[in-house]
Amino acid sequence: MGDPFEDKPVPRWTLITAGVVIAITITVAATARYGGYDPGAERRSPVVASEDVALVVQPDGSISVLKGSRPGPISLVPPDQSGFLRGILTSLERERRRRDLPLGAPYRLVRHENGRLALTDPGTGMDIDVGSFGPTSTGVVNGLFEAAKAHD
């Protein structure tokens, strides 16, 4: 059996178009980068507030929010609103297990000057921008941040 495309070469215009697209892409990226565009600038906005909280997934799927040595939870995320947070916690806990770090250590809720809200793990250095998951998820984490702030 021979090559089914043996007698059908790629049209010259297709190769030229692909080359032009690649050249334009490289030129735009280089111009932006050398022109001062910094893709990580938004992430490096100064921190204006932070709160350390422990997040504990309950058997019913809800998440208890604990702060410091305070007895009992300061907030509870119901099961129907905790899916996003449970997913993030699964990822963070997996990384803690991989590094042999304590699972019960607190996480840090961080608010940046530009309004960015993040959930960070001081032990692993992981930093999750919750705004990238949409307004509903941001609202849940913002509620946790406000509850923690109210219990200072």
C-alpha atoms as a PDB file:
ATOM      1  CA  MET A   1       0.000   0.000   0.000  1.00  0.00           C
ATOM      2  CA  GLY A   2       1.308   3.378  -0.931  1.00  0.00           C
ATOM      3  CA  ASP A   3       0.931   6.755   0.657  1.00  0.00           C
ATOM      4  CA  PRO A   4      -2.614   8.030  -0.001  1.00  0.00           C
ATOM      5  CA  PHE A   5      -1.314  11.605  -0.185  1.00  0.00           C
ATOM      6  CA  GLU A   6       1.599  10.838  -2.506  1.00  0.00           C
ATOM      7  CA  ASP A   7       0.074  12.609  -5.486  1.00  0.00           C
ATOM      8  CA  LYS A   8      -1.607  15.369  -3.449  1.00  0.00           C
ATOM      9  CA  PRO A   9       0.995  17.868  -2.236  1.00  0.00           C
ATOM     10  CA  VAL A  10       0.058  20.578   0.253  1.00  0.00           C
ATOM     11  CA  PRO A  11      -0.913  23.694  -1.697  1.00  0.00           C
ATOM     12  CA  ARG A  12       1.740  26.375  -1.716  1.00  0.00           C
ATOM     13  CA  TRP A  13      -0.679  29.080  -0.479  1.00  0.00           C
ATOM     14  CA  THR A  14      -1.447  26.995   2.642  1.00  0.00           C
ATOM     15  CA  LEU A  15       2.238  26.804   3.571  1.00  0.00           C
ATOM     16  CA  ILE A  16       2.746  30.517   2.932  1.00  0.00           C
ATOM     17  CA  THR A  17      -0.337  31.408   5.037  1.00  0.00           C
ATOM     18  CA  ALA A  18       0.850  29.194   7.907  1.00  0.00           C
ATOM     19  CA  GLY A  19       4.294  30.816   7.783  1.00  0.00           C
ATOM     20  CA  VAL A  20       2.800  34.331   7.832  1.00  0.00           C
ATOM     21  CA  VAL A  21       0.553  33.487  10.806  1.00  0.00           C
ATOM     22  CA  ILE A  22       3.522  32.079  12.742  1.00  0.00           C
ATOM     23  CA  ALA A  23       5.678  35.131  11.920  1.00  0.00           C
ATOM     24  CA  ILE A  24       2.920  37.561  12.988  1.00  0.00           C
ATOM     25  CA  THR A  25       2.367  35.657  16.250  1.00  0.00           C
ATOM     26  CA  ILE A  26       6.054  35.739  17.139  1.00  0.00           C
ATOM     27  CA  THR A  27       6.320  39.435  16.199  1.00  0.00           C
ATOM     28  CA  VAL A  28       3.311  40.443  18.314  1.00  0.00           C
ATOM     29  CA  ALA A  29       4.523  38.434  21.328  1.00  0.00           C
ATOM     30  CA  ALA A  30       8.057  39.837  21.087  1.00  0.00           C
ATOM     31  CA  THR A  31       6.812  43.410  20.623  1.00  0.00           C
ATOM     32  CA  ALA A  32       4.526  43.142  23.648  1.00  0.00           C
ATOM     33  CA  ARG A  33       7.180  41.578  25.837  1.00  0.00           C
ATOM     34  CA  TYR A  34       9.953  44.009  24.888  1.00  0.00           C
ATOM     35  CA  GLY A  35       7.475  46.887  25.012  1.00  0.00           C
ATOM     36  CA  GLY A  36       6.973  46.366  28.735  1.00  0.00           C
ATOM     37  CA  TYR A  37       3.932  44.081  28.878  1.00  0.00           C
ATOM     38  CA  ASP A  38       4.188  41.930  31.991  1.00  0.00           C
ATOM     39  CA  PRO A  39       1.667  39.068  32.025  1.00  0.00           C
ATOM     40  CA  GLY A  40       2.136  38.497  35.762  1.00  0.00           C
ATOM     41  CA  ALA A  41       1.760  42.121  36.881  1.00  0.00           C
ATOM     42  CA  GLU A  42      -1.840  41.719  38.037  1.00  0.00           C
ATOM     43  CA  ARG A  43      -0.929  38.743  40.231  1.00  0.00           C
ATOM     44  CA  ARG A  44       1.802  40.747  41.985  1.00  0.00           C
ATOM     45  CA  SER A  45      -0.535  43.444  43.264  1.00  0.00           C
ATOM     46  CA  PRO A  46       0.232  44.242  46.935  1.00  0.00           C
ATOM     47  CA  VAL A  47      -1.669  42.359  49.627  1.00  0.00           C
ATOM     48  CA  VAL A  48      -4.014  44.628  51.595  1.00  0.00           C
ATOM     49  CA  ALA A  49      -5.558  42.025  53.924  1.00  0.00           C
ATOM     50  CA  SER A  50      -5.250  38.352  54.768  1.00  0.00           C
ATOM     51  CA  GLU A  51      -6.953  35.893  57.086  1.00  0.00           C
ATOM     52  CA  ASP A  52      -5.750  32.438  58.144  1.00  0.00           C
ATOM     53  CA  VAL A  53      -8.509  29.827  58.321  1.00  0.00           C
ATOM     54  CA  ALA A  54      -8.782  26.060  58.509  1.00  0.00           C
ATOM     55  CA  LEU A  55     -11.241  24.550  56.047  1.00  0.00           C
ATOM     56  CA  VAL A  56     -12.694  21.181  57.034  1.00  0.00           C
ATOM     57  CA  VAL A  57     -14.905  19.127  54.716  1.00  0.00           C
ATOM     58  CA  GLN A  58     -17.735  17.541  56.693  1.00  0.00           C
ATOM     59  CA  PRO A  59     -19.291  14.116  55.953  1.00  0.00           C
ATOM     60  CA  ASP A  60     -22.409  15.787  54.495  1.00  0.00           C
ATOM     61  CA  GLY A  61     -20.268  17.772  51.992  1.00  0.00           C
ATOM     62  CA  SER A  62     -20.462  21.085  53.801  1.00  0.00           C
ATOM     63  CA  ILE A  63     -17.287  22.936  54.757  1.00  0.00           C
ATOM     64  CA  SER A  64     -16.619  24.234  58.269  1.00  0.00           C
ATOM     65  CA  VAL A  65     -14.464  27.332  58.527  1.00  0.00           C
ATOM     66  CA  LEU A  66     -12.345  27.488  61.680  1.00  0.00           C
ATOM     67  CA  LYS A  67     -10.205  30.371  62.832  1.00  0.00           C
ATOM     68  CA  GLY A  68      -7.302  30.132  65.246  1.00  0.00           C
ATOM     69  CA  SER A  69      -8.122  28.738  68.667  1.00  0.00           C
ATOM     70  CA  ARG A  70     -11.762  29.887  68.498  1.00  0.00           C
ATOM     71  CA  PRO A  71     -14.086  27.105  69.568  1.00  0.00           C
ATOM     72  CA  GLY A  72     -16.407  25.944  66.815  1.00  0.00           C
ATOM     73  CA  PRO A  73     -16.749  27.097  63.229  1.00  0.00           C
ATOM     74  CA  ILE A  74     -17.022  30.777  62.344  1.00  0.00           C
ATOM     75  CA  SER A  75     -18.878  29.900  59.149  1.00  0.00           C
ATOM     76  CA  LEU A  76     -20.345  26.929  57.327  1.00  0.00           C
ATOM     77  CA  VAL A  77     -20.538  26.566  53.547  1.00  0.00           C
ATOM     78  CA  PRO A  78     -23.578  24.401  52.737  1.00  0.00           C
ATOM     79  CA  PRO A  79     -23.107  21.327  50.504  1.00  0.00           C
ATOM     80  CA  ASP A  80     -24.929  22.901  47.561  1.00  0.00           C
ATOM     81  CA  GLN A  81     -22.455  25.832  47.536  1.00  0.00           C
ATOM     82  CA  SER A  82     -19.241  24.040  48.443  1.00  0.00           C
ATOM     83  CA  GLY A  83     -18.430  22.063  45.276  1.00  0.00           C
ATOM     84  CA  PHE A  84     -15.900  24.593  43.993  1.00  0.00           C
ATOM     85  CA  LEU A  85     -14.209  24.864  47.375  1.00  0.00           C
ATOM     86  CA  ARG A  86     -14.153  21.076  47.885  1.00  0.00           C
ATOM     87  CA  GLY A  87     -12.438  20.704  44.524  1.00  0.00           C
ATOM     88  CA  ILE A  88      -9.750  23.218  45.442  1.00  0.00           C
ATOM     89  CA  LEU A  89      -9.250  21.630  48.865  1.00  0.00           C
ATOM     90  CA  THR A  90      -8.812  18.200  47.279  1.00  0.00           C
ATOM     91  CA  SER A  91      -6.009  19.598  45.130  1.00  0.00           C
ATOM     92  CA  LEU A  92      -4.355  21.462  48.013  1.00  0.00           C
ATOM     93  CA  GLU A  93      -4.564  18.446  50.333  1.00  0.00           C
ATOM     94  CA  ARG A  94      -3.088  16.181  47.653  1.00  0.00           C
ATOM     95  CA  GLU A  95      -0.100  18.507  47.433  1.00  0.00           C
ATOM     96  CA  ARG A  96       0.238  18.578  51.237  1.00  0.00           C
ATOM     97  CA  ARG A  97       0.231  14.766  51.346  1.00  0.00           C
ATOM     98  CA  ARG A  98       2.834  14.639  48.598  1.00  0.00           C
ATOM     99  CA  ARG A  99       5.123  16.910  50.646  1.00  0.00           C
ATOM    100  CA  ASP A 100       4.317  15.238  53.996  1.00  0.00           C
ATOM    101  CA  LEU A 101       2.822  18.447  55.401  1.00  0.00           C
ATOM    102  CA  PRO A 102       0.098  18.501  58.083  1.00  0.00           C
ATOM    103  CA  LEU A 103      -3.389  18.412  56.546  1.00  0.00           C
ATOM    104  CA  GLY A 104      -4.956  20.488  59.326  1.00  0.00           C
ATOM    105  CA  ALA A 105      -2.695  23.526  58.878  1.00  0.00           C
ATOM    106  CA  PRO A 106      -4.571  26.737  58.054  1.00  0.00           C
ATOM    107  CA  TYR A 107      -4.927  28.202  54.588  1.00  0.00           C
ATOM    108  CA  ARG A 108      -4.676  31.916  53.907  1.00  0.00           C
ATOM    109  CA  LEU A 109      -7.397  34.010  52.300  1.00  0.00           C
ATOM    110  CA  VAL A 110      -5.709  36.999  50.649  1.00  0.00           C
ATOM    111  CA  ARG A 111      -7.178  40.217  49.251  1.00  0.00           C
ATOM    112  CA  HIS A 112      -4.947  42.233  46.918  1.00  0.00           C
ATOM    113  CA  GLU A 113      -4.955  45.965  46.247  1.00  0.00           C
ATOM    114  CA  ASN A 114      -6.383  45.410  42.744  1.00  0.00           C
ATOM    115  CA  GLY A 115      -9.366  43.489  44.218  1.00  0.00           C
ATOM    116  CA  ARG A 116      -7.996  40.041  43.420  1.00  0.00           C
ATOM    117  CA  LEU A 117      -9.008  37.398  45.971  1.00  0.00           C
ATOM    118  CA  ALA A 118      -6.815  34.340  46.427  1.00  0.00           C
ATOM    119  CA  LEU A 119      -6.674  31.189  48.495  1.00  0.00           C
ATOM    120  CA  THR A 120      -3.078  30.336  49.313  1.00  0.00           C
ATOM    121  CA  ASP A 121      -1.399  27.482  51.095  1.00  0.00           C
ATOM    122  CA  PRO A 122       1.582  28.841  53.055  1.00  0.00           C
ATOM    123  CA  GLY A 123       3.043  25.340  53.390  1.00  0.00           C
ATOM    124  CA  THR A 124       3.168  24.490  49.701  1.00  0.00           C
ATOM    125  CA  GLY A 125       3.258  27.989  48.254  1.00  0.00           C
ATOM    126  CA  MET A 126       0.237  27.252  46.046  1.00  0.00           C
ATOM    127  CA  ASP A 127      -1.769  30.376  45.194  1.00  0.00           C
ATOM    128  CA  ILE A 128      -5.224  30.049  43.639  1.00  0.00           C
ATOM    129  CA  ASP A 129      -6.879  33.108  42.121  1.00  0.00           C
ATOM    130  CA  VAL A 130     -10.536  32.435  42.903  1.00  0.00           C
ATOM    131  CA  GLY A 131     -11.680  35.175  40.545  1.00  0.00           C
ATOM    132  CA  SER A 132     -10.750  32.985  37.614  1.00  0.00           C
ATOM    133  CA  PHE A 133     -13.515  30.544  38.646  1.00  0.00           C
ATOM    134  CA  GLY A 134     -16.322  33.063  38.195  1.00  0.00           C
ATOM    135  CA  PRO A 135     -18.456  35.357  40.344  1.00  0.00           C
ATOM    136  CA  THR A 136     -20.282  32.611  42.263  1.00  0.00           C
ATOM    137  CA  SER A 137     -17.047  31.031  43.477  1.00  0.00           C
ATOM    138  CA  THR A 138     -15.575  34.435  44.241  1.00  0.00           C
ATOM    139  CA  GLY A 139     -18.689  35.244  46.277  1.00  0.00           C
ATOM    140  CA  VAL A 140     -18.317  32.078  48.366  1.00  0.00           C
ATOM    141  CA  VAL A 141     -14.656  32.793  49.166  1.00  0.00           C
ATOM    142  CA  ASN A 142     -15.403  36.476  49.785  1.00  0.00           C
ATOM    143  CA  GLY A 143     -18.044  35.386  52.318  1.00  0.00           C
ATOM    144  CA  LEU A 144     -15.413  33.281  54.098  1.00  0.00           C
ATOM    145  CA  PHE A 145     -13.012  36.216  54.090  1.00  0.00           C
ATOM    146  CA  GLU A 146     -15.615  38.558  55.585  1.00  0.00           C
ATOM    147  CA  ALA A 147     -16.609  35.976  58.238  1.00  0.00           C
ATOM    148  CA  ALA A 148     -12.969  35.527  59.234  1.00  0.00           C
ATOM    149  CA  LYS A 149     -12.436  39.277  59.356  1.00  0.00           C
ATOM    150  CA  ALA A 150     -15.517  39.709  61.563  1.00  0.00           C
ATOM    151  CA  HIS A 151     -14.055  37.251  64.088  1.00  0.00           C
ATOM    152  CA  ASP A 152     -10.728  39.029  64.607  1.00  0.00           C
END
